[in-house]
């Protein structure tokens, strides 16, 4: 693969800002981004990100696809990518991916990533979880996907919500071997005074 490509899916769970942050962090890097936004995510956007239009968000990506375009490039395994990040990932999208239900472009692209043995990272957003959610997470994990709930690293002394979102997304991108220079790393950039017992 001469061009590095990463698929970014934004589904309908709360946390639309995670998808935006992924696009922002990837923008200055030599990685082509392919964006698909679910119908439910478009509704979530109107509640959570009222000051940024969908067109502004789409402009952060190199390629944008309609969630209904099941024949798009990212729906084929012959279109080579590094994998896919779904940020955030709703329980509905998780269930469809776990059961191989390619009923829209987001879930089809995720299914392609799994079948081609590429990296799939799902930033799931739900709490509390019932057994159905947990079983779906198990199924995706058994298929090779990575379940990555955006859990804040409080040891960083986070100053604001953007810091928290940036850290979570940068850690998720780490799973694709994408180095985000601003990501502080334990034992490298962070030297804590911990006394041995």
N, C-alpha and C. Protein backbone atom coordinates (compact mmCIF):
# COMPACT_ATOMS: atom_id res chain seq x y z
N UNK A 1 0.86 -1.19 0.00
CA UNK A 1 0.00 0.00 0.00
C UNK A 1 0.89 1.24 0.00
N UNK A 2 0.86 1.99 -1.08
CA UNK A 2 1.69 3.18 -1.17
C UNK A 2 1.10 4.35 -0.41
N UNK A 3 -0.24 4.47 -0.45
CA UNK A 3 -0.93 5.53 0.28
C UNK A 3 -1.44 4.95 1.59
N UNK A 4 -1.12 5.60 2.70
CA UNK A 4 -1.68 5.17 3.99
C UNK A 4 -3.08 5.73 4.11
N UNK A 5 -4.05 4.84 4.37
CA UNK A 5 -5.44 5.25 4.49
C UNK A 5 -6.03 4.71 5.78
N UNK A 6 -6.84 5.52 6.43
CA UNK A 6 -7.55 5.08 7.62
C UNK A 6 -9.02 5.48 7.48
N UNK A 7 -9.90 4.52 7.73
CA UNK A 7 -11.34 4.79 7.69
C UNK A 7 -11.76 5.28 9.08
N UNK A 8 -12.50 6.36 9.10
CA UNK A 8 -13.05 6.90 10.34
C UNK A 8 -14.57 6.80 10.26
N UNK A 9 -15.16 6.09 11.19
CA UNK A 9 -16.61 6.01 11.29
C UNK A 9 -17.08 6.77 12.51
N UNK A 10 -18.14 7.54 12.34
CA UNK A 10 -18.76 8.23 13.47
C UNK A 10 -20.19 7.71 13.56
N UNK A 11 -20.50 7.01 14.65
CA UNK A 11 -21.85 6.46 14.80
C UNK A 11 -22.62 7.25 15.86
N UNK A 12 -23.84 6.80 16.16
CA UNK A 12 -24.79 7.63 16.88
C UNK A 12 -24.69 7.73 18.38
N UNK A 13 -23.66 7.19 18.99
CA UNK A 13 -23.50 7.31 20.44
C UNK A 13 -23.09 8.74 20.80
N UNK A 14 -23.28 9.10 22.05
CA UNK A 14 -22.77 10.39 22.50
C UNK A 14 -21.25 10.36 22.41
N UNK A 15 -20.68 11.51 22.05
CA UNK A 15 -19.23 11.57 21.90
C UNK A 15 -18.80 11.86 20.48
N UNK A 16 -19.61 12.60 19.74
CA UNK A 16 -19.27 12.97 18.36
C UNK A 16 -17.90 13.64 18.30
N UNK A 17 -17.52 14.32 19.37
CA UNK A 17 -16.24 15.03 19.41
C UNK A 17 -15.04 14.09 19.26
N UNK A 18 -15.20 12.81 19.62
CA UNK A 18 -14.10 11.86 19.44
C UNK A 18 -13.77 11.69 17.96
N UNK A 19 -14.80 11.60 17.13
CA UNK A 19 -14.57 11.47 15.69
C UNK A 19 -13.93 12.71 15.10
N UNK A 20 -14.41 13.88 15.54
CA UNK A 20 -13.81 15.13 15.06
C UNK A 20 -12.35 15.20 15.46
N UNK A 21 -12.05 14.83 16.70
CA UNK A 21 -10.67 14.90 17.18
C UNK A 21 -9.77 13.96 16.39
N UNK A 22 -10.27 12.78 16.03
CA UNK A 22 -9.47 11.86 15.21
C UNK A 22 -9.11 12.51 13.88
N UNK A 23 -10.08 13.14 13.25
CA UNK A 23 -9.82 13.81 11.97
C UNK A 23 -8.83 14.96 12.14
N UNK A 24 -8.96 15.72 13.22
CA UNK A 24 -8.04 16.84 13.47
C UNK A 24 -6.61 16.35 13.71
N UNK A 25 -6.47 15.28 14.49
CA UNK A 25 -5.12 14.76 14.78
C UNK A 25 -4.47 14.15 13.54
N UNK A 26 -5.27 13.58 12.66
CA UNK A 26 -4.74 12.94 11.46
C UNK A 26 -4.47 13.92 10.33
N UNK A 27 -5.12 15.08 10.35
CA UNK A 27 -5.03 16.06 9.26
C UNK A 27 -3.58 16.42 8.89
N UNK A 28 -2.71 16.73 9.85
CA UNK A 28 -1.34 17.12 9.46
C UNK A 28 -0.43 15.94 9.10
N UNK A 29 -0.91 14.72 9.27
CA UNK A 29 -0.09 13.54 9.02
C UNK A 29 -0.27 13.06 7.58
N UNK A 30 0.63 12.23 7.14
CA UNK A 30 0.59 11.70 5.79
C UNK A 30 -0.30 10.46 5.73
N UNK A 31 -1.55 10.64 6.16
CA UNK A 31 -2.53 9.55 6.20
C UNK A 31 -3.83 10.07 5.60
N UNK A 32 -4.32 9.36 4.59
CA UNK A 32 -5.56 9.74 3.92
C UNK A 32 -6.73 9.25 4.76
N UNK A 33 -7.66 10.15 5.08
CA UNK A 33 -8.81 9.77 5.92
C UNK A 33 -10.06 9.61 5.07
N UNK A 34 -10.81 8.53 5.36
CA UNK A 34 -12.04 8.20 4.66
C UNK A 34 -13.16 8.15 5.69
N UNK A 35 -14.08 9.09 5.59
CA UNK A 35 -15.08 9.33 6.64
C UNK A 35 -16.46 8.85 6.23
N UNK A 36 -17.13 8.17 7.18
CA UNK A 36 -18.55 7.82 7.02
C UNK A 36 -19.25 8.11 8.34
N UNK A 37 -20.38 8.82 8.25
CA UNK A 37 -21.14 9.24 9.43
C UNK A 37 -22.52 8.59 9.36
N UNK A 38 -22.91 7.91 10.42
CA UNK A 38 -24.22 7.24 10.43
C UNK A 38 -25.35 8.26 10.53
N UNK A 39 -26.56 7.82 10.23
CA UNK A 39 -27.73 8.70 10.32
C UNK A 39 -27.95 9.17 11.75
N UNK A 40 -27.83 8.25 12.69
CA UNK A 40 -28.02 8.62 14.10
C UNK A 40 -26.96 9.61 14.56
N UNK A 41 -25.74 9.48 14.03
CA UNK A 41 -24.66 10.41 14.40
C UNK A 41 -24.97 11.82 13.92
N UNK A 42 -25.63 11.92 12.79
CA UNK A 42 -25.99 13.24 12.28
C UNK A 42 -26.96 13.94 13.24
N UNK A 43 -27.83 13.16 13.86
CA UNK A 43 -28.73 13.71 14.88
C UNK A 43 -27.95 14.09 16.14
N UNK A 44 -27.04 13.20 16.56
CA UNK A 44 -26.21 13.49 17.74
C UNK A 44 -25.41 14.77 17.53
N UNK A 45 -24.90 14.95 16.32
CA UNK A 45 -24.13 16.15 15.99
C UNK A 45 -24.93 17.42 16.30
N UNK A 46 -26.20 17.42 15.95
CA UNK A 46 -27.01 18.63 16.14
C UNK A 46 -27.16 18.99 17.62
N UNK A 47 -27.09 18.00 18.50
CA UNK A 47 -27.18 18.24 19.95
C UNK A 47 -25.83 18.58 20.57
N UNK A 48 -24.78 17.91 20.12
CA UNK A 48 -23.48 18.01 20.80
C UNK A 48 -22.52 19.03 20.19
N UNK A 49 -22.61 19.26 18.89
CA UNK A 49 -21.65 20.15 18.22
C UNK A 49 -22.42 21.20 17.41
N UNK A 50 -23.24 22.02 18.05
CA UNK A 50 -24.07 22.96 17.30
C UNK A 50 -23.28 24.08 16.63
N UNK A 51 -22.06 24.34 17.09
CA UNK A 51 -21.28 25.45 16.55
C UNK A 51 -20.38 25.06 15.39
N UNK A 52 -20.45 23.79 14.95
CA UNK A 52 -19.64 23.33 13.83
C UNK A 52 -20.54 22.54 12.89
N UNK A 53 -20.68 23.00 11.67
CA UNK A 53 -21.59 22.35 10.73
C UNK A 53 -21.03 21.00 10.27
N UNK A 54 -21.92 20.16 9.78
CA UNK A 54 -21.49 18.87 9.23
C UNK A 54 -20.52 19.08 8.07
N UNK A 55 -20.75 20.12 7.28
CA UNK A 55 -19.85 20.40 6.14
C UNK A 55 -18.46 20.76 6.64
N UNK A 56 -18.37 21.51 7.73
CA UNK A 56 -17.06 21.83 8.30
C UNK A 56 -16.35 20.57 8.78
N UNK A 57 -17.10 19.68 9.40
CA UNK A 57 -16.53 18.43 9.89
C UNK A 57 -16.07 17.57 8.72
N UNK A 58 -16.90 17.45 7.70
CA UNK A 58 -16.55 16.66 6.52
C UNK A 58 -15.30 17.19 5.83
N UNK A 59 -15.10 18.51 5.91
CA UNK A 59 -13.94 19.11 5.24
C UNK A 59 -12.61 18.70 5.89
N UNK A 60 -12.68 18.13 7.09
CA UNK A 60 -11.46 17.65 7.76
C UNK A 60 -10.96 16.34 7.16
N UNK A 61 -11.84 15.62 6.44
CA UNK A 61 -11.50 14.32 5.86
C UNK A 61 -11.07 14.49 4.41
N UNK A 62 -10.28 13.53 3.93
CA UNK A 62 -9.87 13.54 2.52
C UNK A 62 -11.00 13.05 1.62
N UNK A 63 -11.73 12.03 2.08
CA UNK A 63 -12.85 11.47 1.32
C UNK A 63 -14.02 11.28 2.28
N UNK A 64 -15.21 11.59 1.78
CA UNK A 64 -16.42 11.43 2.60
C UNK A 64 -17.43 10.62 1.81
N UNK A 65 -18.07 9.66 2.50
CA UNK A 65 -19.05 8.79 1.85
C UNK A 65 -20.39 8.87 2.57
N UNK A 66 -21.45 8.76 1.79
CA UNK A 66 -22.78 8.63 2.38
C UNK A 66 -22.89 7.27 3.04
N UNK A 67 -23.55 7.23 4.18
CA UNK A 67 -23.73 5.96 4.90
C UNK A 67 -24.58 4.99 4.07
N UNK A 68 -25.31 5.50 3.09
CA UNK A 68 -26.14 4.65 2.23
C UNK A 68 -25.38 4.09 1.02
N UNK A 69 -24.16 4.59 0.78
CA UNK A 69 -23.40 4.20 -0.40
C UNK A 69 -22.66 2.88 -0.17
N UNK A 70 -23.39 1.79 -0.22
CA UNK A 70 -22.84 0.48 0.09
C UNK A 70 -21.84 0.01 -0.97
N UNK A 71 -21.76 0.71 -2.10
CA UNK A 71 -20.80 0.36 -3.14
C UNK A 71 -19.56 1.23 -3.13
N UNK A 72 -19.34 1.99 -2.06
CA UNK A 72 -18.18 2.87 -1.97
C UNK A 72 -16.88 2.07 -1.86
N UNK A 73 -15.77 2.74 -2.10
CA UNK A 73 -14.46 2.08 -2.08
C UNK A 73 -14.20 1.33 -0.78
N UNK A 74 -14.58 1.94 0.35
CA UNK A 74 -14.28 1.32 1.65
C UNK A 74 -15.13 0.09 1.94
N UNK A 75 -16.07 -0.22 1.02
CA UNK A 75 -16.90 -1.42 1.18
C UNK A 75 -16.25 -2.64 0.55
N UNK A 76 -15.07 -2.45 -0.02
CA UNK A 76 -14.37 -3.56 -0.69
C UNK A 76 -13.03 -3.85 -0.04
N UNK A 77 -12.74 -5.13 0.14
CA UNK A 77 -11.45 -5.53 0.71
C UNK A 77 -10.29 -5.24 -0.21
N UNK A 78 -10.54 -5.06 -1.51
CA UNK A 78 -9.45 -4.77 -2.45
C UNK A 78 -8.95 -3.34 -2.30
N UNK A 79 -9.74 -2.49 -1.61
CA UNK A 79 -9.32 -1.12 -1.32
C UNK A 79 -8.51 -1.17 -0.03
N UNK A 80 -7.21 -1.03 -0.15
CA UNK A 80 -6.34 -1.27 1.00
C UNK A 80 -6.33 -0.08 1.96
N UNK A 81 -6.49 -0.40 3.23
CA UNK A 81 -6.44 0.60 4.30
C UNK A 81 -5.64 0.05 5.47
N UNK A 82 -5.31 0.93 6.41
CA UNK A 82 -4.67 0.52 7.66
C UNK A 82 -5.69 -0.12 8.60
N UNK A 83 -6.97 0.17 8.35
CA UNK A 83 -8.03 -0.31 9.21
C UNK A 83 -9.07 0.76 9.41
N UNK A 84 -9.79 0.66 10.52
CA UNK A 84 -10.91 1.57 10.78
C UNK A 84 -11.04 1.87 12.26
N UNK A 85 -11.29 3.14 12.54
CA UNK A 85 -11.60 3.61 13.89
C UNK A 85 -13.05 4.08 13.88
N UNK A 86 -13.87 3.54 14.78
CA UNK A 86 -15.24 4.01 14.95
C UNK A 86 -15.27 4.80 16.25
N UNK A 87 -15.47 6.12 16.11
CA UNK A 87 -15.35 7.02 17.26
C UNK A 87 -16.42 8.10 17.19
N UNK A 88 -17.45 7.99 18.01
CA UNK A 88 -17.73 6.93 18.97
C UNK A 88 -18.44 5.76 18.28
N UNK A 89 -18.55 4.66 19.01
CA UNK A 89 -19.24 3.48 18.50
C UNK A 89 -20.47 3.23 19.37
N UNK A 90 -21.63 3.31 18.76
CA UNK A 90 -22.88 3.06 19.49
C UNK A 90 -23.07 1.56 19.72
N UNK A 91 -23.94 1.22 20.64
CA UNK A 91 -24.26 -0.19 20.88
C UNK A 91 -24.97 -0.80 19.68
N UNK A 92 -25.70 0.00 18.93
CA UNK A 92 -26.35 -0.48 17.72
C UNK A 92 -25.30 -0.87 16.67
N UNK A 93 -24.31 0.01 16.46
CA UNK A 93 -23.25 -0.30 15.49
C UNK A 93 -22.42 -1.48 15.96
N UNK A 94 -22.12 -1.53 17.25
CA UNK A 94 -21.39 -2.67 17.81
C UNK A 94 -22.13 -3.96 17.52
N UNK A 95 -23.45 -3.99 17.76
CA UNK A 95 -24.24 -5.20 17.55
C UNK A 95 -24.21 -5.62 16.09
N UNK A 96 -24.36 -4.65 15.18
CA UNK A 96 -24.34 -4.97 13.75
C UNK A 96 -22.98 -5.53 13.34
N UNK A 97 -21.92 -4.93 13.84
CA UNK A 97 -20.56 -5.40 13.51
C UNK A 97 -20.34 -6.80 14.09
N UNK A 98 -20.76 -7.01 15.33
CA UNK A 98 -20.57 -8.30 15.99
C UNK A 98 -21.30 -9.42 15.25
N UNK A 99 -22.44 -9.10 14.66
CA UNK A 99 -23.26 -10.10 13.96
C UNK A 99 -23.06 -10.09 12.45
N UNK A 100 -22.06 -9.33 11.98
CA UNK A 100 -21.73 -9.25 10.54
C UNK A 100 -22.90 -8.75 9.71
N UNK A 101 -23.66 -7.81 10.25
CA UNK A 101 -24.79 -7.23 9.53
C UNK A 101 -24.32 -5.98 8.79
N UNK A 102 -24.02 -6.12 7.53
CA UNK A 102 -23.52 -5.00 6.73
C UNK A 102 -24.70 -4.23 6.15
N UNK A 103 -25.47 -3.60 7.02
CA UNK A 103 -26.70 -2.95 6.58
C UNK A 103 -26.53 -1.49 6.20
N UNK A 104 -25.34 -0.95 6.39
CA UNK A 104 -25.02 0.39 5.90
C UNK A 104 -23.51 0.45 5.67
N UNK A 105 -23.02 1.56 5.14
CA UNK A 105 -21.61 1.61 4.77
C UNK A 105 -20.69 1.55 5.99
N UNK A 106 -21.10 2.12 7.11
CA UNK A 106 -20.25 2.09 8.31
C UNK A 106 -20.04 0.64 8.77
N UNK A 107 -21.12 -0.10 8.89
CA UNK A 107 -20.99 -1.48 9.38
C UNK A 107 -20.36 -2.38 8.32
N UNK A 108 -20.60 -2.11 7.04
CA UNK A 108 -19.96 -2.88 5.97
C UNK A 108 -18.45 -2.63 5.97
N UNK A 109 -18.03 -1.38 6.11
CA UNK A 109 -16.60 -1.06 6.13
C UNK A 109 -15.91 -1.76 7.31
N UNK A 110 -16.58 -1.78 8.46
CA UNK A 110 -16.02 -2.47 9.63
C UNK A 110 -15.91 -3.97 9.37
N UNK A 111 -16.93 -4.54 8.73
CA UNK A 111 -16.91 -5.97 8.41
C UNK A 111 -15.77 -6.30 7.45
N UNK A 112 -15.53 -5.42 6.49
CA UNK A 112 -14.43 -5.61 5.53
C UNK A 112 -13.09 -5.60 6.26
N UNK A 113 -12.94 -4.66 7.18
CA UNK A 113 -11.69 -4.58 7.95
C UNK A 113 -11.44 -5.88 8.70
N UNK A 114 -12.48 -6.43 9.32
CA UNK A 114 -12.34 -7.69 10.05
C UNK A 114 -12.01 -8.85 9.12
N UNK A 115 -12.71 -8.95 8.01
CA UNK A 115 -12.49 -10.09 7.12
C UNK A 115 -11.12 -10.04 6.46
N UNK A 116 -10.59 -8.83 6.27
CA UNK A 116 -9.25 -8.68 5.68
C UNK A 116 -8.15 -8.73 6.73
N UNK A 117 -8.55 -8.97 7.99
CA UNK A 117 -7.59 -9.07 9.11
C UNK A 117 -6.80 -7.78 9.32
N UNK A 118 -7.51 -6.66 9.16
CA UNK A 118 -6.92 -5.35 9.45
C UNK A 118 -7.39 -4.91 10.83
N UNK A 119 -6.88 -3.80 11.31
CA UNK A 119 -7.18 -3.34 12.66
C UNK A 119 -8.50 -2.58 12.71
N UNK A 120 -9.40 -3.03 13.59
CA UNK A 120 -10.66 -2.35 13.85
C UNK A 120 -10.68 -1.94 15.31
N UNK A 121 -10.85 -0.65 15.57
CA UNK A 121 -10.89 -0.12 16.93
C UNK A 121 -12.24 0.56 17.13
N UNK A 122 -12.97 0.10 18.15
CA UNK A 122 -14.29 0.65 18.45
C UNK A 122 -14.26 1.40 19.77
N UNK A 123 -14.46 2.71 19.71
CA UNK A 123 -14.54 3.53 20.92
C UNK A 123 -15.99 3.51 21.39
N UNK A 124 -16.32 2.45 22.11
CA UNK A 124 -17.71 2.24 22.52
C UNK A 124 -18.13 3.24 23.60
N UNK A 125 -19.40 3.65 23.53
CA UNK A 125 -19.94 4.63 24.48
C UNK A 125 -21.28 4.14 24.99
N UNK A 126 -21.27 3.59 26.17
CA UNK A 126 -22.50 3.21 26.85
C UNK A 126 -22.18 2.88 28.29
N UNK A 127 -23.11 3.16 29.18
CA UNK A 127 -22.92 2.82 30.58
C UNK A 127 -24.27 2.96 31.29
N UNK A 128 -24.63 1.99 32.12
CA UNK A 128 -23.96 0.71 32.34
C UNK A 128 -24.20 -0.24 31.16
N UNK A 129 -23.54 -1.38 31.21
CA UNK A 129 -23.63 -2.38 30.15
C UNK A 129 -24.48 -3.56 30.59
N UNK A 130 -25.28 -4.11 29.67
CA UNK A 130 -25.97 -5.36 29.99
C UNK A 130 -25.25 -6.50 29.26
N UNK A 131 -25.69 -7.71 29.51
CA UNK A 131 -24.98 -8.88 28.99
C UNK A 131 -24.92 -8.91 27.47
N UNK A 132 -25.96 -8.41 26.80
CA UNK A 132 -25.95 -8.35 25.34
C UNK A 132 -24.81 -7.50 24.82
N UNK A 133 -24.58 -6.33 25.45
CA UNK A 133 -23.46 -5.47 25.07
C UNK A 133 -22.13 -6.20 25.25
N UNK A 134 -21.99 -6.83 26.40
CA UNK A 134 -20.73 -7.52 26.73
C UNK A 134 -20.48 -8.68 25.76
N UNK A 135 -21.54 -9.43 25.43
CA UNK A 135 -21.40 -10.54 24.47
C UNK A 135 -20.99 -10.02 23.09
N UNK A 136 -21.56 -8.89 22.69
CA UNK A 136 -21.18 -8.32 21.40
C UNK A 136 -19.72 -7.86 21.40
N UNK A 137 -19.27 -7.29 22.52
CA UNK A 137 -17.86 -6.90 22.63
C UNK A 137 -16.96 -8.13 22.57
N UNK A 138 -17.40 -9.21 23.23
CA UNK A 138 -16.64 -10.46 23.17
C UNK A 138 -16.55 -10.96 21.73
N UNK A 139 -17.66 -10.93 21.01
CA UNK A 139 -17.69 -11.42 19.63
C UNK A 139 -16.73 -10.64 18.75
N UNK A 140 -16.76 -9.31 18.86
CA UNK A 140 -15.86 -8.48 18.06
C UNK A 140 -14.40 -8.76 18.43
N UNK A 141 -14.13 -8.93 19.71
CA UNK A 141 -12.77 -9.23 20.17
C UNK A 141 -12.30 -10.57 19.61
N UNK A 142 -13.16 -11.56 19.62
CA UNK A 142 -12.80 -12.87 19.07
C UNK A 142 -12.52 -12.80 17.57
N UNK A 143 -13.14 -11.85 16.88
CA UNK A 143 -12.92 -11.67 15.45
C UNK A 143 -11.68 -10.83 15.15
N UNK A 144 -11.03 -10.31 16.20
CA UNK A 144 -9.81 -9.54 16.00
C UNK A 144 -9.94 -8.05 16.21
N UNK A 145 -11.16 -7.59 16.51
CA UNK A 145 -11.33 -6.16 16.77
C UNK A 145 -10.87 -5.77 18.16
N UNK A 146 -10.71 -4.48 18.37
CA UNK A 146 -10.27 -3.95 19.66
C UNK A 146 -11.38 -3.07 20.23
N UNK A 147 -11.81 -3.40 21.43
CA UNK A 147 -12.80 -2.59 22.14
C UNK A 147 -12.04 -1.55 22.96
N UNK A 148 -12.30 -0.28 22.67
CA UNK A 148 -11.52 0.79 23.29
C UNK A 148 -12.46 1.87 23.85
N UNK A 149 -13.02 1.64 25.04
CA UNK A 149 -13.84 2.70 25.64
C UNK A 149 -12.96 3.90 25.97
N UNK A 150 -13.40 5.11 25.68
CA UNK A 150 -12.58 6.28 25.96
C UNK A 150 -12.56 6.61 27.45
N UNK A 151 -11.64 5.99 28.15
CA UNK A 151 -11.51 6.17 29.60
C UNK A 151 -10.40 7.20 29.85
N UNK A 152 -10.69 8.29 30.55
CA UNK A 152 -9.67 9.32 30.75
C UNK A 152 -8.54 8.86 31.66
N UNK A 153 -7.33 9.28 31.31
CA UNK A 153 -6.15 8.99 32.14
C UNK A 153 -5.97 10.16 33.10
N UNK A 154 -6.48 10.02 34.30
CA UNK A 154 -6.49 11.14 35.24
C UNK A 154 -5.11 11.51 35.76
N UNK A 155 -4.15 10.59 35.63
CA UNK A 155 -2.79 10.90 36.08
C UNK A 155 -2.15 12.01 35.25
N UNK A 156 -2.76 12.36 34.14
CA UNK A 156 -2.23 13.43 33.30
C UNK A 156 -2.57 14.82 33.81
N UNK A 157 -3.39 14.89 34.85
CA UNK A 157 -3.84 16.18 35.38
C UNK A 157 -4.50 17.00 34.27
N UNK A 158 -5.51 16.41 33.68
CA UNK A 158 -6.21 17.00 32.55
C UNK A 158 -6.87 18.32 32.97
N UNK A 159 -6.68 19.36 32.16
CA UNK A 159 -7.20 20.68 32.47
C UNK A 159 -8.60 20.92 31.94
N UNK A 160 -8.94 20.26 30.83
CA UNK A 160 -10.25 20.51 30.23
C UNK A 160 -10.72 19.29 29.44
N UNK A 161 -11.94 19.36 28.95
CA UNK A 161 -12.53 18.24 28.23
C UNK A 161 -11.76 17.94 26.95
N UNK A 162 -11.29 18.99 26.27
CA UNK A 162 -10.55 18.76 25.02
C UNK A 162 -9.27 17.95 25.28
N UNK A 163 -8.60 18.21 26.39
CA UNK A 163 -7.41 17.42 26.75
C UNK A 163 -7.77 15.95 26.92
N UNK A 164 -8.89 15.71 27.58
CA UNK A 164 -9.34 14.34 27.83
C UNK A 164 -9.66 13.63 26.52
N UNK A 165 -10.38 14.31 25.64
CA UNK A 165 -10.75 13.74 24.34
C UNK A 165 -9.50 13.49 23.50
N UNK A 166 -8.60 14.44 23.50
CA UNK A 166 -7.35 14.31 22.72
C UNK A 166 -6.56 13.11 23.18
N UNK A 167 -6.42 12.93 24.48
CA UNK A 167 -5.64 11.80 24.99
C UNK A 167 -6.28 10.48 24.60
N UNK A 168 -7.59 10.36 24.77
CA UNK A 168 -8.27 9.10 24.43
C UNK A 168 -8.12 8.76 22.96
N UNK A 169 -8.32 9.75 22.09
CA UNK A 169 -8.23 9.50 20.65
C UNK A 169 -6.79 9.20 20.24
N UNK A 170 -5.84 9.92 20.80
CA UNK A 170 -4.43 9.66 20.48
C UNK A 170 -4.03 8.25 20.89
N UNK A 171 -4.53 7.78 22.02
CA UNK A 171 -4.25 6.40 22.46
C UNK A 171 -4.90 5.39 21.52
N UNK A 172 -6.09 5.70 21.02
CA UNK A 172 -6.75 4.81 20.06
C UNK A 172 -5.95 4.76 18.76
N UNK A 173 -5.44 5.90 18.31
CA UNK A 173 -4.64 5.94 17.08
C UNK A 173 -3.31 5.21 17.26
N UNK A 174 -2.83 5.16 18.49
CA UNK A 174 -1.63 4.38 18.81
C UNK A 174 -1.77 2.92 18.36
N UNK A 175 -2.99 2.41 18.42
CA UNK A 175 -3.25 1.02 18.07
C UNK A 175 -3.07 0.74 16.58
N UNK A 176 -2.97 1.81 15.79
CA UNK A 176 -2.68 1.68 14.35
C UNK A 176 -1.21 2.01 14.06
N UNK A 177 -0.39 2.11 15.13
CA UNK A 177 1.01 2.54 15.01
C UNK A 177 1.12 3.94 14.43
N UNK A 178 0.15 4.79 14.78
CA UNK A 178 0.19 6.19 14.38
C UNK A 178 0.68 6.98 15.59
N UNK A 179 1.80 7.63 15.43
CA UNK A 179 2.39 8.37 16.54
C UNK A 179 1.89 9.81 16.54
N UNK A 180 1.22 10.18 17.59
CA UNK A 180 0.76 11.56 17.77
C UNK A 180 1.78 12.23 18.70
N UNK A 181 2.59 13.14 18.15
CA UNK A 181 3.70 13.72 18.94
C UNK A 181 3.29 14.35 20.26
N UNK A 182 2.09 14.91 20.32
CA UNK A 182 1.67 15.60 21.55
C UNK A 182 1.20 14.66 22.65
N UNK A 183 1.15 13.34 22.37
CA UNK A 183 0.65 12.39 23.37
C UNK A 183 1.71 12.15 24.45
N UNK A 184 1.44 12.55 25.70
CA UNK A 184 2.40 12.26 26.77
C UNK A 184 2.42 10.77 27.09
N UNK A 185 3.60 10.23 27.31
CA UNK A 185 3.74 8.80 27.54
C UNK A 185 4.35 8.53 28.91
N UNK A 186 3.74 7.57 29.59
CA UNK A 186 4.20 7.17 30.92
C UNK A 186 5.64 6.65 30.82
N UNK A 187 6.51 7.15 31.67
CA UNK A 187 7.89 6.71 31.68
C UNK A 187 8.78 7.42 30.69
N UNK A 188 8.19 8.20 29.80
CA UNK A 188 8.98 8.96 28.83
C UNK A 188 8.82 10.45 29.11
N UNK A 189 7.60 10.95 28.91
CA UNK A 189 7.32 12.37 29.14
C UNK A 189 6.82 12.64 30.56
N UNK A 190 6.33 11.57 31.20
CA UNK A 190 5.74 11.74 32.51
C UNK A 190 6.62 11.08 33.57
N UNK A 191 7.20 11.89 34.42
CA UNK A 191 8.07 11.37 35.48
C UNK A 191 7.42 11.65 36.82
N UNK A 192 6.83 10.60 37.35
CA UNK A 192 6.12 10.75 38.61
C UNK A 192 7.02 10.25 39.75
N UNK A 193 6.92 10.94 40.85
CA UNK A 193 7.70 10.54 42.03
C UNK A 193 6.94 9.50 42.81
N UNK A 194 7.21 8.25 42.48
CA UNK A 194 6.57 7.15 43.17
C UNK A 194 7.63 6.43 43.99
N UNK A 195 7.42 6.41 45.30
CA UNK A 195 8.39 5.75 46.18
C UNK A 195 8.12 4.27 46.26
N UNK A 196 9.14 3.45 46.07
CA UNK A 196 8.93 1.99 46.22
C UNK A 196 8.58 1.65 47.65
N UNK A 197 7.79 0.62 47.82
CA UNK A 197 7.40 0.21 49.18
C UNK A 197 8.50 -0.60 49.83
